[in-house]
Amino acid sequence: MKICTIKDVLEAEVLCCEEEIGRHVYSACGSDMMSDVLAYVKDQAVLLTGLVNPQVIRTAEMMDMICIVFVRSKKPSEEMLAMAKESGIVLMTTDKRMYDACGLLYQNGLVGKKVTNG
């Protein structure tokens, strides 16, 4: 799914790196626990989160994520915007709750990867 489609589906506002919204993501992860993101996200993905701190950007960089959507109208700090711009990570915000945002993306064809333990 293209990032611009995610923007439309979630009625999101692009906060930085708008020139990158033509890129594709192949899975999604919804979490406020960055340790779970580090443990379970294996491919380029979009991260949906309500957590707003620099660790979110650092985690996305480590996992080669190309888009972060902040749910519940959360907005990143100027420091986070600068970090994301430097890494080319699209940041967006939506007024949707995490559950609703994940459900809308799933309903529109963006599925997560199967989680295996071990």
PDB file of N, CA and C in Angstrom:
ATOM      1  N   MET A   1       0.849  -1.172   0.000  1.00  0.00           N
ATOM      2  CA  MET A   1       0.000   0.000   0.000  1.00  0.00           C
ATOM      3  C   MET A   1       0.897   1.238   0.000  1.00  0.00           C
ATOM      4  N   LYS A   2       0.537   2.215  -0.773  1.00  0.00           N
ATOM      5  CA  LYS A   2       1.308   3.455  -0.799  1.00  0.00           C
ATOM      6  C   LYS A   2       0.997   4.292   0.450  1.00  0.00           C
ATOM      7  N   ILE A   3       1.996   5.037   0.880  1.00  0.00           N
ATOM      8  CA  ILE A   3       1.827   5.894   2.048  1.00  0.00           C
ATOM      9  C   ILE A   3       0.720   6.919   1.802  1.00  0.00           C
ATOM     10  N   CYS A   4       0.596   7.406   0.571  1.00  0.00           N
ATOM     11  CA  CYS A   4      -0.468   8.375   0.270  1.00  0.00           C
ATOM     12  C   CYS A   4      -1.851   7.746   0.463  1.00  0.00           C
ATOM     13  N   THR A   5      -1.970   6.449   0.241  1.00  0.00           N
ATOM     14  CA  THR A   5      -3.244   5.755   0.478  1.00  0.00           C
ATOM     15  C   THR A   5      -3.510   5.663   1.977  1.00  0.00           C
ATOM     16  N   ILE A   6      -2.470   5.383   2.749  1.00  0.00           N
ATOM     17  CA  ILE A   6      -2.607   5.354   4.212  1.00  0.00           C
ATOM     18  C   ILE A   6      -3.097   6.708   4.703  1.00  0.00           C
ATOM     19  N   LYS A   7      -2.507   7.767   4.174  1.00  0.00           N
ATOM     20  CA  LYS A   7      -2.920   9.129   4.526  1.00  0.00           C
ATOM     21  C   LYS A   7      -4.412   9.315   4.278  1.00  0.00           C
ATOM     22  N   ASP A   8      -4.871   8.886   3.118  1.00  0.00           N
ATOM     23  CA  ASP A   8      -6.282   9.051   2.768  1.00  0.00           C
ATOM     24  C   ASP A   8      -7.188   8.186   3.640  1.00  0.00           C
ATOM     25  N   VAL A   9      -6.830   6.927   3.816  1.00  0.00           N
ATOM     26  CA  VAL A   9      -7.650   6.004   4.606  1.00  0.00           C
ATOM     27  C   VAL A   9      -7.802   6.489   6.041  1.00  0.00           C
ATOM     28  N   LEU A  10      -6.713   7.008   6.612  1.00  0.00           N
ATOM     29  CA  LEU A  10      -6.736   7.443   8.015  1.00  0.00           C
ATOM     30  C   LEU A  10      -7.085   8.918   8.177  1.00  0.00           C
ATOM     31  N   GLU A  11      -7.339   9.595   7.044  1.00  0.00           N
ATOM     32  CA  GLU A  11      -7.609  11.032   7.080  1.00  0.00           C
ATOM     33  C   GLU A  11      -6.517  11.728   7.898  1.00  0.00           C
ATOM     34  N   ALA A  12      -5.276  11.390   7.574  1.00  0.00           N
ATOM     35  CA  ALA A  12      -4.121  11.847   8.342  1.00  0.00           C
ATOM     36  C   ALA A  12      -3.518  13.117   7.750  1.00  0.00           C
ATOM     37  N   GLU A  13      -2.794  13.808   8.583  1.00  0.00           N
ATOM     38  CA  GLU A  13      -2.040  14.994   8.189  1.00  0.00           C
ATOM     39  C   GLU A  13      -0.567  14.613   8.110  1.00  0.00           C
ATOM     40  N   VAL A  14       0.078  14.929   6.994  1.00  0.00           N
ATOM     41  CA  VAL A  14       1.508  14.674   6.851  1.00  0.00           C
ATOM     42  C   VAL A  14       2.266  15.789   7.556  1.00  0.00           C
ATOM     43  N   LEU A  15       3.192  15.410   8.442  1.00  0.00           N
ATOM     44  CA  LEU A  15       3.954  16.383   9.221  1.00  0.00           C
ATOM     45  C   LEU A  15       5.353  16.615   8.672  1.00  0.00           C
ATOM     46  N   CYS A  16       5.906  15.601   8.015  1.00  0.00           N
ATOM     47  CA  CYS A  16       7.214  15.777   7.385  1.00  0.00           C
ATOM     48  C   CYS A  16       7.439  14.704   6.322  1.00  0.00           C
ATOM     49  N   CYS A  17       8.360  15.014   5.430  1.00  0.00           N
ATOM     50  CA  CYS A  17       8.774  14.120   4.344  1.00  0.00           C
ATOM     51  C   CYS A  17       7.629  13.803   3.384  1.00  0.00           C
ATOM     52  N   GLU A  18       6.798  14.787   3.094  1.00  0.00           N
ATOM     53  CA  GLU A  18       5.664  14.586   2.193  1.00  0.00           C
ATOM     54  C   GLU A  18       6.105  14.109   0.815  1.00  0.00           C
ATOM     55  N   GLU A  19       7.325  14.448   0.433  1.00  0.00           N
ATOM     56  CA  GLU A  19       7.833  14.014  -0.877  1.00  0.00           C
ATOM     57  C   GLU A  19       8.010  12.503  -0.959  1.00  0.00           C
ATOM     58  N   GLU A  20       7.916  11.806   0.157  1.00  0.00           N
ATOM     59  CA  GLU A  20       8.100  10.349   0.203  1.00  0.00           C
ATOM     60  C   GLU A  20       6.783   9.573   0.222  1.00  0.00           C
ATOM     61  N   ILE A  21       5.639  10.253   0.117  1.00  0.00           N
ATOM     62  CA  ILE A  21       4.369   9.530   0.303  1.00  0.00           C
ATOM     63  C   ILE A  21       3.982   8.637  -0.871  1.00  0.00           C
ATOM     64  N   GLY A  22       4.764   8.633  -1.925  1.00  0.00           N
ATOM     65  CA  GLY A  22       4.523   7.704  -3.028  1.00  0.00           C
ATOM     66  C   GLY A  22       5.144   6.339  -2.805  1.00  0.00           C
ATOM     67  N   ARG A  23       5.898   6.181  -1.722  1.00  0.00           N
ATOM     68  CA  ARG A  23       6.553   4.903  -1.428  1.00  0.00           C
ATOM     69  C   ARG A  23       5.549   3.873  -0.918  1.00  0.00           C
ATOM     70  N   HIS A  24       5.916   2.610  -1.054  1.00  0.00           N
ATOM     71  CA  HIS A  24       5.071   1.501  -0.598  1.00  0.00           C
ATOM     72  C   HIS A  24       5.518   0.984   0.760  1.00  0.00           C
ATOM     73  N   VAL A  25       4.546   0.567   1.558  1.00  0.00           N
ATOM     74  CA  VAL A  25       4.812  -0.215   2.766  1.00  0.00           C
ATOM     75  C   VAL A  25       4.089  -1.542   2.579  1.00  0.00           C
ATOM     76  N   TYR A  26       4.615  -2.569   3.204  1.00  0.00           N
ATOM     77  CA  TYR A  26       4.101  -3.916   2.968  1.00  0.00           C
ATOM     78  C   TYR A  26       3.478  -4.559   4.200  1.00  0.00           C
ATOM     79  N   SER A  27       3.611  -3.906   5.339  1.00  0.00           N
ATOM     80  CA  SER A  27       2.982  -4.408   6.552  1.00  0.00           C
ATOM     81  C   SER A  27       2.836  -3.249   7.526  1.00  0.00           C
ATOM     82  N   ALA A  28       2.120  -3.504   8.596  1.00  0.00           N
ATOM     83  CA  ALA A  28       1.886  -2.480   9.602  1.00  0.00           C
ATOM     84  C   ALA A  28       2.067  -3.070  10.989  1.00  0.00           C
ATOM     85  N   CYS A  29       2.408  -2.193  11.913  1.00  0.00           N
ATOM     86  CA  CYS A  29       2.569  -2.587  13.310  1.00  0.00           C
ATOM     87  C   CYS A  29       1.946  -1.489  14.161  1.00  0.00           C
ATOM     88  N   GLY A  30       1.073  -1.866  15.061  1.00  0.00           N
ATOM     89  CA  GLY A  30       0.486  -0.907  15.986  1.00  0.00           C
ATOM     90  C   GLY A  30       0.949  -1.222  17.391  1.00  0.00           C
ATOM     91  N   SER A  31       1.731  -0.309  17.987  1.00  0.00           N
ATOM     92  CA  SER A  31       2.246  -0.575  19.325  1.00  0.00           C
ATOM     93  C   SER A  31       2.774   0.699  19.969  1.00  0.00           C
ATOM     94  N   ASP A  32       2.629   0.766  21.286  1.00  0.00           N
ATOM     95  CA  ASP A  32       3.269   1.819  22.069  1.00  0.00           C
ATOM     96  C   ASP A  32       4.505   1.275  22.784  1.00  0.00           C
ATOM     97  N   MET A  33       4.771  -0.012  22.595  1.00  0.00           N
ATOM     98  CA  MET A  33       5.937  -0.630  23.227  1.00  0.00           C
ATOM     99  C   MET A  33       7.008  -0.864  22.171  1.00  0.00           C
ATOM    100  N   MET A  34       8.053  -0.058  22.216  1.00  0.00           N
ATOM    101  CA  MET A  34       9.096  -0.153  21.198  1.00  0.00           C
ATOM    102  C   MET A  34       9.854  -1.473  21.289  1.00  0.00           C
ATOM    103  N   SER A  35       9.853  -2.112  22.447  1.00  0.00           N
ATOM    104  CA  SER A  35      10.496  -3.423  22.562  1.00  0.00           C
ATOM    105  C   SER A  35       9.750  -4.456  21.709  1.00  0.00           C
ATOM    106  N   ASP A  36       8.428  -4.361  21.636  1.00  0.00           N
ATOM    107  CA  ASP A  36       7.666  -5.259  20.770  1.00  0.00           C
ATOM    108  C   ASP A  36       7.958  -4.985  19.302  1.00  0.00           C
ATOM    109  N   VAL A  37       8.083  -3.724  18.954  1.00  0.00           N
ATOM    110  CA  VAL A  37       8.404  -3.374  17.574  1.00  0.00           C
ATOM    111  C   VAL A  37       9.756  -3.971  17.199  1.00  0.00           C
ATOM    112  N   LEU A  38      10.730  -3.834  18.068  1.00  0.00           N
ATOM    113  CA  LEU A  38      12.059  -4.394  17.806  1.00  0.00           C
ATOM    114  C   LEU A  38      12.020  -5.912  17.692  1.00  0.00           C
ATOM    115  N   ALA A  39      11.166  -6.555  18.455  1.00  0.00           N
ATOM    116  CA  ALA A  39      11.115  -8.013  18.465  1.00  0.00           C
ATOM    117  C   ALA A  39      10.345  -8.609  17.292  1.00  0.00           C
ATOM    118  N   TYR A  40       9.332  -7.912  16.798  1.00  0.00           N
ATOM    119  CA  TYR A  40       8.428  -8.546  15.853  1.00  0.00           C
ATOM    120  C   TYR A  40       8.378  -7.957  14.455  1.00  0.00           C
ATOM    121  N   VAL A  41       8.866  -6.754  14.250  1.00  0.00           N
ATOM    122  CA  VAL A  41       8.788  -6.148  12.921  1.00  0.00           C
ATOM    123  C   VAL A  41      10.024  -6.542  12.127  1.00  0.00           C
ATOM    124  N   LYS A  42       9.807  -7.190  10.992  1.00  0.00           N
ATOM    125  CA  LYS A  42      10.925  -7.709  10.213  1.00  0.00           C
ATOM    126  C   LYS A  42      11.082  -7.028   8.854  1.00  0.00           C
ATOM    127  N   ASP A  43      10.038  -6.439   8.324  1.00  0.00           N
ATOM    128  CA  ASP A  43      10.087  -5.851   6.992  1.00  0.00           C
ATOM    129  C   ASP A  43       9.787  -4.359   7.076  1.00  0.00           C
ATOM    130  N   GLN A  44      10.011  -3.672   5.938  1.00  0.00           N
ATOM    131  CA  GLN A  44       9.621  -2.274   5.897  1.00  0.00           C
ATOM    132  C   GLN A  44       8.141  -2.191   6.221  1.00  0.00           C
ATOM    133  N   ALA A  45       7.821  -1.341   7.141  1.00  0.00           N
ATOM    134  CA  ALA A  45       6.457  -1.284   7.636  1.00  0.00           C
ATOM    135  C   ALA A  45       6.119   0.136   8.042  1.00  0.00           C
ATOM    136  N   VAL A  46       4.846   0.335   8.290  1.00  0.00           N
ATOM    137  CA  VAL A  46       4.373   1.574   8.893  1.00  0.00           C
ATOM    138  C   VAL A  46       4.104   1.274  10.364  1.00  0.00           C
ATOM    139  N   LEU A  47       4.509   2.183  11.211  1.00  0.00           N
ATOM    140  CA  LEU A  47       4.291   2.046  12.645  1.00  0.00           C
ATOM    141  C   LEU A  47       3.172   2.986  13.058  1.00  0.00           C
ATOM    142  N   LEU A  48       2.173   2.446  13.728  1.00  0.00           N
ATOM    143  CA  LEU A  48       1.115   3.255  14.314  1.00  0.00           C
ATOM    144  C   LEU A  48       1.347   3.258  15.815  1.00  0.00           C
ATOM    145  N   THR A  49       1.385   4.440  16.416  1.00  0.00           N
ATOM    146  CA  THR A  49       1.689   4.532  17.828  1.00  0.00           C
ATOM    147  C   THR A  49       1.091   5.795  18.439  1.00  0.00           C
ATOM    148  N   GLY A  50       0.856   5.737  19.723  1.00  0.00           N
ATOM    149  CA  GLY A  50       0.447   6.907  20.489  1.00  0.00           C
ATOM    150  C   GLY A  50       1.596   7.430  21.328  1.00  0.00           C
ATOM    151  N   LEU A  51       2.726   6.772  21.249  1.00  0.00           N
ATOM    152  CA  LEU A  51       3.916   7.174  22.001  1.00  0.00           C
ATOM    153  C   LEU A  51       4.630   8.286  21.253  1.00  0.00           C
ATOM    154  N   VAL A  52       4.902   9.370  21.925  1.00  0.00           N
ATOM    155  CA  VAL A  52       5.533  10.518  21.281  1.00  0.00           C
ATOM    156  C   VAL A  52       6.819  10.850  22.040  1.00  0.00           C
ATOM    157  N   ASN A  53       7.905  10.198  21.640  1.00  0.00           N
ATOM    158  CA  ASN A  53       9.227  10.538  22.164  1.00  0.00           C
ATOM    159  C   ASN A  53      10.281  10.131  21.137  1.00  0.00           C
ATOM    160  N   PRO A  54      11.495  10.641  21.265  1.00  0.00           N
ATOM    161  CA  PRO A  54      12.529  10.359  20.259  1.00  0.00           C
ATOM    162  C   PRO A  54      12.835   8.883  20.060  1.00  0.00           C
ATOM    163  N   GLN A  55      12.566   8.045  21.055  1.00  0.00           N
ATOM    164  CA  GLN A  55      12.826   6.611  20.920  1.00  0.00           C
ATOM    165  C   GLN A  55      12.013   5.998  19.774  1.00  0.00           C
ATOM    166  N   VAL A  56      10.848   6.559  19.496  1.00  0.00           N
ATOM    167  CA  VAL A  56      10.016   6.061  18.397  1.00  0.00           C
ATOM    168  C   VAL A  56      10.761   6.231  17.069  1.00  0.00           C
ATOM    169  N   ILE A  57      11.372   7.385  16.873  1.00  0.00           N
ATOM    170  CA  ILE A  57      12.113   7.641  15.637  1.00  0.00           C
ATOM    171  C   ILE A  57      13.331   6.729  15.561  1.00  0.00           C
ATOM    172  N   ARG A  58      14.052   6.597  16.662  1.00  0.00           N
ATOM    173  CA  ARG A  58      15.237   5.725  16.683  1.00  0.00           C
ATOM    174  C   ARG A  58      14.872   4.278  16.371  1.00  0.00           C
ATOM    175  N   THR A  59      13.769   3.812  16.937  1.00  0.00           N
ATOM    176  CA  THR A  59      13.316   2.447  16.679  1.00  0.00           C
ATOM    177  C   THR A  59      12.965   2.277  15.206  1.00  0.00           C
ATOM    178  N   ALA A  60      12.240   3.228  14.649  1.00  0.00           N
ATOM    179  CA  ALA A  60      11.869   3.156  13.234  1.00  0.00           C
ATOM    180  C   ALA A  60      13.111   3.141  12.348  1.00  0.00           C
ATOM    181  N   GLU A  61      14.117   3.922  12.693  1.00  0.00           N
ATOM    182  CA  GLU A  61      15.366   3.920  11.928  1.00  0.00           C
ATOM    183  C   GLU A  61      16.022   2.545  11.966  1.00  0.00           C
ATOM    184  N   MET A  62      16.097   1.962  13.150  1.00  0.00           N
ATOM    185  CA  MET A  62      16.740   0.657  13.305  1.00  0.00           C
ATOM    186  C   MET A  62      16.031  -0.434  12.521  1.00  0.00           C
ATOM    187  N   MET A  63      14.707  -0.303  12.382  1.00  0.00           N
ATOM    188  CA  MET A  63      13.904  -1.341  11.740  1.00  0.00           C
ATOM    189  C   MET A  63      13.602  -1.017  10.271  1.00  0.00           C
ATOM    190  N   ASP A  64      14.265  -0.012   9.733  1.00  0.00           N
ATOM    191  CA  ASP A  64      14.068   0.398   8.334  1.00  0.00           C
ATOM    192  C   ASP A  64      12.609   0.727   8.016  1.00  0.00           C
ATOM    193  N   MET A  65      11.905   1.274   8.977  1.00  0.00           N
ATOM    194  CA  MET A  65      10.529   1.717   8.737  1.00  0.00           C
ATOM    195  C   MET A  65      10.580   3.027   7.969  1.00  0.00           C
ATOM    196  N   ILE A  66       9.570   3.249   7.154  1.00  0.00           N
ATOM    197  CA  ILE A  66       9.584   4.456   6.337  1.00  0.00           C
ATOM    198  C   ILE A  66       8.420   5.392   6.656  1.00  0.00           C
ATOM    199  N   CYS A  67       7.569   5.007   7.602  1.00  0.00           N
ATOM    200  CA  CYS A  67       6.421   5.842   7.945  1.00  0.00           C
ATOM    201  C   CYS A  67       5.976   5.566   9.380  1.00  0.00           C
ATOM    202  N   ILE A  68       5.668   6.646  10.091  1.00  0.00           N
ATOM    203  CA  ILE A  68       5.107   6.552  11.439  1.00  0.00           C
ATOM    204  C   ILE A  68       3.819   7.364  11.446  1.00  0.00           C
ATOM    205  N   VAL A  69       2.751   6.755  11.960  1.00  0.00           N
ATOM    206  CA  VAL A  69       1.484   7.461  12.121  1.00  0.00           C
ATOM    207  C   VAL A  69       1.201   7.574  13.611  1.00  0.00           C
ATOM    208  N   PHE A  70       1.082   8.799  14.091  1.00  0.00           N
ATOM    209  CA  PHE A  70       0.731   9.035  15.487  1.00  0.00           C
ATOM    210  C   PHE A  70      -0.791   9.085  15.589  1.00  0.00           C
ATOM    211  N   VAL A  71      -1.340   8.238  16.445  1.00  0.00           N
ATOM    212  CA  VAL A  71      -2.790   8.149  16.608  1.00  0.00           C
ATOM    213  C   VAL A  71      -3.251   9.120  17.696  1.00  0.00           C
ATOM    214  N   ARG A  72      -4.557   9.258  17.813  1.00  0.00           N
ATOM    215  CA  ARG A  72      -5.188  10.116  18.823  1.00  0.00           C
ATOM    216  C   ARG A  72      -4.687  11.563  18.762  1.00  0.00           C
ATOM    217  N   SER A  73      -4.426  12.034  17.528  1.00  0.00           N
ATOM    218  CA  SER A  73      -4.011  13.431  17.289  1.00  0.00           C
ATOM    219  C   SER A  73      -2.704  13.813  17.970  1.00  0.00           C
ATOM    220  N   LYS A  74      -1.883  12.822  18.308  1.00  0.00           N
ATOM    221  CA  LYS A  74      -0.589  13.116  18.926  1.00  0.00           C
ATOM    222  C   LYS A  74       0.311  13.799  17.903  1.00  0.00           C
ATOM    223  N   LYS A  75       1.166  14.697  18.385  1.00  0.00           N
ATOM    224  CA  LYS A  75       2.083  15.428  17.503  1.00  0.00           C
ATOM    225  C   LYS A  75       3.502  15.311  18.050  1.00  0.00           C
ATOM    226  N   PRO A  76       4.454  15.029  17.171  1.00  0.00           N
ATOM    227  CA  PRO A  76       5.853  14.915  17.604  1.00  0.00           C
ATOM    228  C   PRO A  76       6.461  16.282  17.887  1.00  0.00           C
ATOM    229  N   SER A  77       7.531  16.262  18.665  1.00  0.00           N
ATOM    230  CA  SER A  77       8.270  17.485  18.973  1.00  0.00           C
ATOM    231  C   SER A  77       9.090  17.934  17.759  1.00  0.00           C
ATOM    232  N   GLU A  78       9.606  19.125  17.822  1.00  0.00           N
ATOM    233  CA  GLU A  78      10.481  19.635  16.755  1.00  0.00           C
ATOM    234  C   GLU A  78      11.726  18.752  16.623  1.00  0.00           C
ATOM    235  N   GLU A  79      12.234  18.269  17.751  1.00  0.00           N
ATOM    236  CA  GLU A  79      13.397  17.369  17.736  1.00  0.00           C
ATOM    237  C   GLU A  79      13.070  16.095  16.952  1.00  0.00           C
ATOM    238  N   MET A  80      11.901  15.541  17.186  1.00  0.00           N
ATOM    239  CA  MET A  80      11.492  14.326  16.482  1.00  0.00           C
ATOM    240  C   MET A  80      11.294  14.596  14.993  1.00  0.00           C
ATOM    241  N   LEU A  81      10.717  15.723  14.656  1.00  0.00           N
ATOM    242  CA  LEU A  81      10.544  16.086  13.248  1.00  0.00           C
ATOM    243  C   LEU A  81      11.895  16.184  12.545  1.00  0.00           C
ATOM    244  N   ALA A  82      12.859  16.803  13.217  1.00  0.00           N
ATOM    245  CA  ALA A  82      14.199  16.935  12.629  1.00  0.00           C
ATOM    246  C   ALA A  82      14.852  15.573  12.439  1.00  0.00           C
ATOM    247  N   MET A  83      14.703  14.686  13.414  1.00  0.00           N
ATOM    248  CA  MET A  83      15.257  13.340  13.307  1.00  0.00           C
ATOM    249  C   MET A  83      14.635  12.588  12.132  1.00  0.00           C
ATOM    250  N   ALA A  84      13.318  12.688  12.003  1.00  0.00           N
ATOM    251  CA  ALA A  84      12.616  11.986  10.929  1.00  0.00           C
ATOM    252  C   ALA A  84      13.021  12.544   9.561  1.00  0.00           C
ATOM    253  N   LYS A  85      13.122  13.861   9.449  1.00  0.00           N
ATOM    254  CA  LYS A  85      13.535  14.474   8.182  1.00  0.00           C
ATOM    255  C   LYS A  85      14.912  13.985   7.775  1.00  0.00           C
ATOM    256  N   GLU A  86      15.813  13.911   8.734  1.00  0.00           N
ATOM    257  CA  GLU A  86      17.177  13.449   8.453  1.00  0.00           C
ATOM    258  C   GLU A  86      17.195  12.019   7.937  1.00  0.00           C
ATOM    259  N   SER A  87      16.268  11.206   8.412  1.00  0.00           N
ATOM    260  CA  SER A  87      16.208   9.794   8.015  1.00  0.00           C
ATOM    261  C   SER A  87      15.224   9.534   6.876  1.00  0.00           C
ATOM    262  N   GLY A  88      14.474  10.530   6.459  1.00  0.00           N
ATOM    263  CA  GLY A  88      13.503  10.341   5.384  1.00  0.00           C
ATOM    264  C   GLY A  88      12.284   9.546   5.794  1.00  0.00           C
ATOM    265  N   ILE A  89      11.930   9.598   7.073  1.00  0.00           N
ATOM    266  CA  ILE A  89      10.766   8.879   7.589  1.00  0.00           C
ATOM    267  C   ILE A  89       9.558   9.806   7.553  1.00  0.00           C
ATOM    268  N   VAL A  90       8.509   9.368   6.879  1.00  0.00           N
ATOM    269  CA  VAL A  90       7.271  10.147   6.821  1.00  0.00           C
ATOM    270  C   VAL A  90       6.600  10.095   8.188  1.00  0.00           C
ATOM    271  N   LEU A  91       6.245  11.258   8.714  1.00  0.00           N
ATOM    272  CA  LEU A  91       5.476  11.328   9.957  1.00  0.00           C
ATOM    273  C   LEU A  91       4.101  11.883   9.643  1.00  0.00           C
ATOM    274  N   MET A  92       3.090  11.215  10.193  1.00  0.00           N
ATOM    275  CA  MET A  92       1.707  11.671  10.027  1.00  0.00           C
ATOM    276  C   MET A  92       0.993  11.607  11.367  1.00  0.00           C
ATOM    277  N   THR A  93      -0.101  12.334  11.469  1.00  0.00           N
ATOM    278  CA  THR A  93      -0.952  12.249  12.650  1.00  0.00           C
ATOM    279  C   THR A  93      -2.391  12.078  12.197  1.00  0.00           C
ATOM    280  N   THR A  94      -3.135  11.294  12.973  1.00  0.00           N
ATOM    281  CA  THR A  94      -4.559  11.079  12.707  1.00  0.00           C
ATOM    282  C   THR A  94      -5.315  11.181  14.022  1.00  0.00           C
ATOM    283  N   ASP A  95      -6.576  11.583  13.929  1.00  0.00           N
ATOM    284  CA  ASP A  95      -7.383  11.649  15.141  1.00  0.00           C
ATOM    285  C   ASP A  95      -7.963  10.284  15.510  1.00  0.00           C
ATOM    286  N   LYS A  96      -7.744   9.294  14.665  1.00  0.00           N
ATOM    287  CA  LYS A  96      -8.259   7.937  14.927  1.00  0.00           C
ATOM    288  C   LYS A  96      -7.544   7.311  16.130  1.00  0.00           C
ATOM    289  N   ARG A  97      -8.253   6.437  16.816  1.00  0.00           N
ATOM    290  CA  ARG A  97      -7.636   5.639  17.885  1.00  0.00           C
ATOM    291  C   ARG A  97      -6.848   4.498  17.247  1.00  0.00           C
ATOM    292  N   MET A  98      -5.935   3.929  17.987  1.00  0.00           N
ATOM    293  CA  MET A  98      -5.079   2.862  17.475  1.00  0.00           C
ATOM    294  C   MET A  98      -5.901   1.711  16.883  1.00  0.00           C
ATOM    295  N   TYR A  99      -6.880   1.237  17.623  1.00  0.00           N
ATOM    296  CA  TYR A  99      -7.697   0.105  17.175  1.00  0.00           C
ATOM    297  C   TYR A  99      -8.368   0.421  15.842  1.00  0.00           C
ATOM    298  N   ASP A 100      -8.969   1.585  15.761  1.00  0.00           N
ATOM    299  CA  ASP A 100      -9.683   1.970  14.547  1.00  0.00           C
ATOM    300  C   ASP A 100      -8.725   2.146  13.372  1.00  0.00           C
ATOM    301  N   ALA A 101      -7.588   2.783  13.609  1.00  0.00           N
ATOM    302  CA  ALA A 101      -6.617   3.010  12.538  1.00  0.00           C
ATOM    303  C   ALA A 101      -6.085   1.687  11.993  1.00  0.00           C
ATOM    304  N   CYS A 102      -5.724   0.781  12.888  1.00  0.00           N
ATOM    305  CA  CYS A 102      -5.233  -0.529  12.438  1.00  0.00           C
ATOM    306  C   CYS A 102      -6.318  -1.278  11.670  1.00  0.00           C
ATOM    307  N   GLY A 103      -7.542  -1.220  12.168  1.00  0.00           N
ATOM    308  CA  GLY A 103      -8.645  -1.900  11.500  1.00  0.00           C
ATOM    309  C   GLY A 103      -8.913  -1.348  10.115  1.00  0.00           C
ATOM    310  N   LEU A 104      -8.862  -0.043   9.965  1.00  0.00           N
ATOM    311  CA  LEU A 104      -9.079   0.573   8.652  1.00  0.00           C
ATOM    312  C   LEU A 104      -7.993   0.159   7.660  1.00  0.00           C
ATOM    313  N   LEU A 105      -6.747   0.139   8.109  1.00  0.00           N
ATOM    314  CA  LEU A 105      -5.660  -0.260   7.206  1.00  0.00           C
ATOM    315  C   LEU A 105      -5.806  -1.728   6.818  1.00  0.00           C
ATOM    316  N   TYR A 106      -6.146  -2.570   7.764  1.00  0.00           N
ATOM    317  CA  TYR A 106      -6.347  -3.989   7.480  1.00  0.00           C
ATOM    318  C   TYR A 106      -7.507  -4.174   6.490  1.00  0.00           C
ATOM    319  N   GLN A 107      -8.589  -3.496   6.754  1.00  0.00           N
ATOM    320  CA  GLN A 107      -9.774  -3.584   5.898  1.00  0.00           C
ATOM    321  C   GLN A 107      -9.468  -3.143   4.467  1.00  0.00           C
ATOM    322  N   ASN A 108      -8.511  -2.235   4.317  1.00  0.00           N
ATOM    323  CA  ASN A 108      -8.146  -1.723   2.998  1.00  0.00           C
ATOM    324  C   ASN A 108      -6.960  -2.456   2.379  1.00  0.00           C
ATOM    325  N   GLY A 109      -6.564  -3.586   2.977  1.00  0.00           N
ATOM    326  CA  GLY A 109      -5.582  -4.453   2.335  1.00  0.00           C
ATOM    327  C   GLY A 109      -4.177  -4.463   2.878  1.00  0.00           C
ATOM    328  N   LEU A 110      -3.894  -3.650   3.910  1.00  0.00           N
ATOM    329  CA  LEU A 110      -2.553  -3.674   4.503  1.00  0.00           C
ATOM    330  C   LEU A 110      -2.583  -4.600   5.701  1.00  0.00           C
ATOM    331  N   VAL A 111      -1.972  -5.748   5.553  1.00  0.00           N
ATOM    332  CA  VAL A 111      -2.011  -6.748   6.618  1.00  0.00           C
ATOM    333  C   VAL A 111      -0.664  -6.819   7.324  1.00  0.00           C
ATOM    334  N   GLY A 112      -0.685  -7.324   8.535  1.00  0.00           N
ATOM    335  CA  GLY A 112       0.545  -7.523   9.280  1.00  0.00           C
ATOM    336  C   GLY A 112       1.182  -8.844   8.885  1.00  0.00           C
ATOM    337  N   LYS A 113       2.382  -9.042   9.355  1.00  0.00           N
ATOM    338  CA  LYS A 113       3.066 -10.311   9.122  1.00  0.00           C
ATOM    339  C   LYS A 113       2.727 -11.257  10.275  1.00  0.00           C
ATOM    340  N   LYS A 114       2.692 -12.551   9.968  1.00  0.00           N
ATOM    341  CA  LYS A 114       2.407 -13.546  10.984  1.00  0.00           C
ATOM    342  C   LYS A 114       3.537 -13.555  12.017  1.00  0.00           C
ATOM    343  N   VAL A 115       3.172 -13.513  13.273  1.00  0.00           N
ATOM    344  CA  VAL A 115       4.146 -13.525  14.365  1.00  0.00           C
ATOM    345  C   VAL A 115       4.401 -14.969  14.766  1.00  0.00           C
ATOM    346  N   THR A 116       5.676 -15.318  14.825  1.00  0.00           N
ATOM    347  CA  THR A 116       6.031 -16.651  15.293  1.00  0.00           C
ATOM    348  C   THR A 116       6.878 -16.510  16.545  1.00  0.00           C
ATOM    349  N   ASN A 117       6.594 -17.323  17.532  1.00  0.00           N
ATOM    350  CA  ASN A 117       7.380 -17.310  18.765  1.00  0.00           C
ATOM    351  C   ASN A 117       8.556 -18.242  18.614  1.00  0.00           C
ATOM    352  N   GLY A 118       9.688 -17.751  19.083  1.00  0.00           N
ATOM    353  CA  GLY A 118      10.851 -18.622  19.061  1.00  0.00           C
ATOM    354  C   GLY A 118      11.818 -18.167  18.095  1.00  0.00           C
TER     355      GLY A 118
END
